[in-house]
C-alpha atoms as a PDB file:
ATOM      1  CA  MET A   1     217.900-100.730 -15.056  1.00  0.00           C
ATOM      2  CA  LYS A   2     217.542-104.532 -15.947  1.00  0.00           C
ATOM      3  CA  ALA A   3     218.222-105.309 -19.500  1.00  0.00           C
ATOM      4  CA  ALA A   4     215.817-107.640 -21.425  1.00  0.00           C
ATOM      5  CA  VAL A   5     216.733-109.427 -24.756  1.00  0.00           C
ATOM      6  CA  PHE A   6     214.428-108.810 -27.700  1.00  0.00           C
ATOM      7  CA  THR A   7     214.604-111.181 -30.562  1.00  0.00           C
ATOM      8  CA  MET A   8     213.070-110.677 -33.840  1.00  0.00           C
ATOM      9  CA  LYS A   9     213.174-112.189 -37.292  1.00  0.00           C
ATOM     10  CA  LEU A  10     213.833-110.166 -40.364  1.00  0.00           C
ATOM     11  CA  GLU A  11     214.999-110.468 -43.937  1.00  0.00           C
ATOM     12  CA  ALA A  12     218.823-110.769 -44.215  1.00  0.00           C
ATOM     13  CA  ASP A  13     219.127-107.799 -46.742  1.00  0.00           C
ATOM     14  CA  LEU A  14     217.094-105.510 -44.308  1.00  0.00           C
ATOM     15  CA  ARG A  15     219.276-106.577 -41.498  1.00  0.00           C
ATOM     16  CA  ALA A  16     222.364-105.748 -43.469  1.00  0.00           C
ATOM     17  CA  GLU A  17     221.158-102.373 -44.637  1.00  0.00           C
ATOM     18  CA  PHE A  18     220.082-101.511 -41.126  1.00  0.00           C
ATOM     19  CA  MET A  19     223.319-102.379 -39.494  1.00  0.00           C
ATOM     20  CA  ALA A  20     225.054-100.479 -42.141  1.00  0.00           C
ATOM     21  CA  GLU A  21     222.967 -97.430 -41.416  1.00  0.00           C
ATOM     22  CA  ALA A  22     223.315 -97.698 -37.883  1.00  0.00           C
ATOM     23  CA  GLU A  23     227.122 -97.817 -38.092  1.00  0.00           C
ATOM     24  CA  ALA A  24     227.141 -94.915 -40.527  1.00  0.00           C
ATOM     25  CA  SER A  25     225.266 -92.893 -37.939  1.00  0.00           C
ATOM     26  CA  HIS A  26     227.793 -93.865 -35.194  1.00  0.00           C
ATOM     27  CA  ARG A  27     225.169 -95.696 -33.134  1.00  0.00           C
ATOM     28  CA  SER A  28     224.652 -99.248 -32.209  1.00  0.00           C
ATOM     29  CA  ALA A  29     221.723-101.129 -33.692  1.00  0.00           C
ATOM     30  CA  SER A  30     220.517-101.554 -30.285  1.00  0.00           C
ATOM     31  CA  GLN A  31     220.479 -97.924 -29.583  1.00  0.00           C
ATOM     32  CA  VAL A  32     218.698 -97.104 -32.869  1.00  0.00           C
ATOM     33  CA  VAL A  33     216.116 -99.708 -32.072  1.00  0.00           C
ATOM     34  CA  ARG A  34     215.475 -98.500 -28.705  1.00  0.00           C
ATOM     35  CA  GLU A  35     214.960 -94.965 -30.128  1.00  0.00           C
ATOM     36  CA  PHE A  36     212.500 -96.377 -32.598  1.00  0.00           C
ATOM     37  CA  MET A  37     210.688 -98.238 -29.792  1.00  0.00           C
ATOM     38  CA  ARG A  38     210.486 -94.875 -27.565  1.00  0.00           C
ATOM     39  CA  ALA A  39     209.069 -92.991 -30.460  1.00  0.00           C
ATOM     40  CA  PHE A  40     206.458 -95.665 -31.204  1.00  0.00           C
ATOM     41  CA  VAL A  41     205.414 -95.822 -27.601  1.00  0.00           C
ATOM     42  CA  GLN A  42     205.146 -92.012 -27.571  1.00  0.00           C
ATOM     43  CA  GLN A  43     203.278 -91.946 -30.717  1.00  0.00           C
ATOM     44  CA  GLN A  44     200.758 -94.587 -29.730  1.00  0.00           C
ATOM     45  CA  ARG A  45     200.111 -92.832 -26.321  1.00  0.00           C
ATOM     46  CA  ALA A  46     199.622 -89.562 -28.072  1.00  0.00           C
ATOM     47  CA  GLN A  47     197.252 -91.108 -30.536  1.00  0.00           C
ATOM     48  CA  ARG A  48     195.214 -92.739 -27.699  1.00  0.00           C
ATOM     49  CA  GLU A  49     195.044 -89.635 -25.737  1.00  0.00           C
ATOM     50  CA  HIS A  50     193.868 -87.648 -28.821  1.00  0.00           C
ATOM     51  CA  ASP A  51     191.293 -90.370 -29.451  1.00  0.00           C
ATOM     52  CA  ALA A  52     190.027 -90.134 -25.982  1.00  0.00           C
ATOM     53  CA  PHE A  53     189.892 -86.393 -26.281  1.00  0.00           C
ATOM     54  CA  LEU A  54     187.807 -86.558 -29.374  1.00  0.00           C
ATOM     55  CA  GLN A  55     185.673 -89.136 -27.798  1.00  0.00           C
ATOM     56  CA  ARG A  56     184.880 -86.754 -24.870  1.00  0.00           C
ATOM     57  CA  LYS A  57     184.061 -84.048 -27.379  1.00  0.00           C
ATOM     58  CA  VAL A  58     181.707 -86.208 -29.232  1.00  0.00           C
ATOM     59  CA  GLU A  59     180.011 -87.245 -25.868  1.00  0.00           C
ATOM     60  CA  VAL A  60     179.664 -83.563 -24.884  1.00  0.00           C
ATOM     61  CA  ALA A  61     178.224 -82.802 -28.269  1.00  0.00           C
ATOM     62  CA  ARG A  62     175.710 -85.644 -28.056  1.00  0.00           C
ATOM     63  CA  ALA A  63     174.568 -84.625 -24.619  1.00  0.00           C
ATOM     64  CA  SER A  64     174.128 -81.049 -25.760  1.00  0.00           C
ATOM     65  CA  MET A  65     172.016 -82.193 -28.562  1.00  0.00           C
ATOM     66  CA  ARG A  66     169.942 -84.408 -26.354  1.00  0.00           C
ATOM     67  CA  ASP A  67     169.377 -81.420 -23.961  1.00  0.00           C
ATOM     68  CA  GLY A  68     168.241 -79.287 -26.987  1.00  0.00           C
ATOM     69  CA  LEU A  69     171.253 -77.018 -26.848  1.00  0.00           C
ATOM     70  CA  GLY A  70     172.756 -77.935 -30.196  1.00  0.00           C
ATOM     71  CA  ARG A  71     171.873 -77.012 -33.630  1.00  0.00           C
ATOM     72  CA  SER A  72     171.336 -79.477 -36.755  1.00  0.00           C
ATOM     73  CA  ASN A  73     173.859 -79.516 -39.603  1.00  0.00           C
ATOM     74  CA  GLU A  74     171.274 -77.855 -41.600  1.00  0.00           C
ATOM     75  CA  GLU A  75     170.763 -74.850 -39.311  1.00  0.00           C
ATOM     76  CA  VAL A  76     174.566 -74.341 -39.166  1.00  0.00           C
ATOM     77  CA  GLU A  77     174.834 -74.608 -42.942  1.00  0.00           C
ATOM     78  CA  ALA A  78     172.030 -71.987 -43.264  1.00  0.00           C
ATOM     79  CA  ALA A  79     173.578 -69.754 -40.840  1.00  0.00           C
ATOM     80  CA  PHE A  80     176.937 -69.747 -42.505  1.00  0.00           C
ATOM     81  CA  ALA A  81     175.305 -69.357 -45.948  1.00  0.00           C
ATOM     82  CA  ALA A  82     173.616 -66.198 -44.688  1.00  0.00           C
ATOM     83  CA  LEU A  83     176.948 -64.899 -43.379  1.00  0.00           C
ATOM     84  CA  ARG A  84     178.656 -65.584 -46.811  1.00  0.00           C
ATOM     85  CA  THR A  85     175.784 -63.795 -48.647  1.00  0.00           C
ATOM     86  CA  ALA A  86     175.984 -60.868 -46.345  1.00  0.00           C
ATOM     87  CA  HIS A  87     179.732 -60.588 -46.851  1.00  0.00           C
ATOM     88  CA  SER A  88     179.797 -60.906 -50.554  1.00  0.00           C
END
């Protein structure tokens, strides 16, 4: 695997604290940053996948409503109000 150099600017006190914590965890600063980066990439991908999933659900629901297969919010609320009344 080819290595790439990543340069960033940060406050001196943050750098010092980070370096101390990395050393205390017996890991190099580079190793910790790579772990953070991998976690960030995974989190972003998962969020995009979830957003796409929700978008597909919305599109399916909108198509259902256009086709007359859905129920309005008022109809759903009325049905659940009736269920609550029947079970109380």
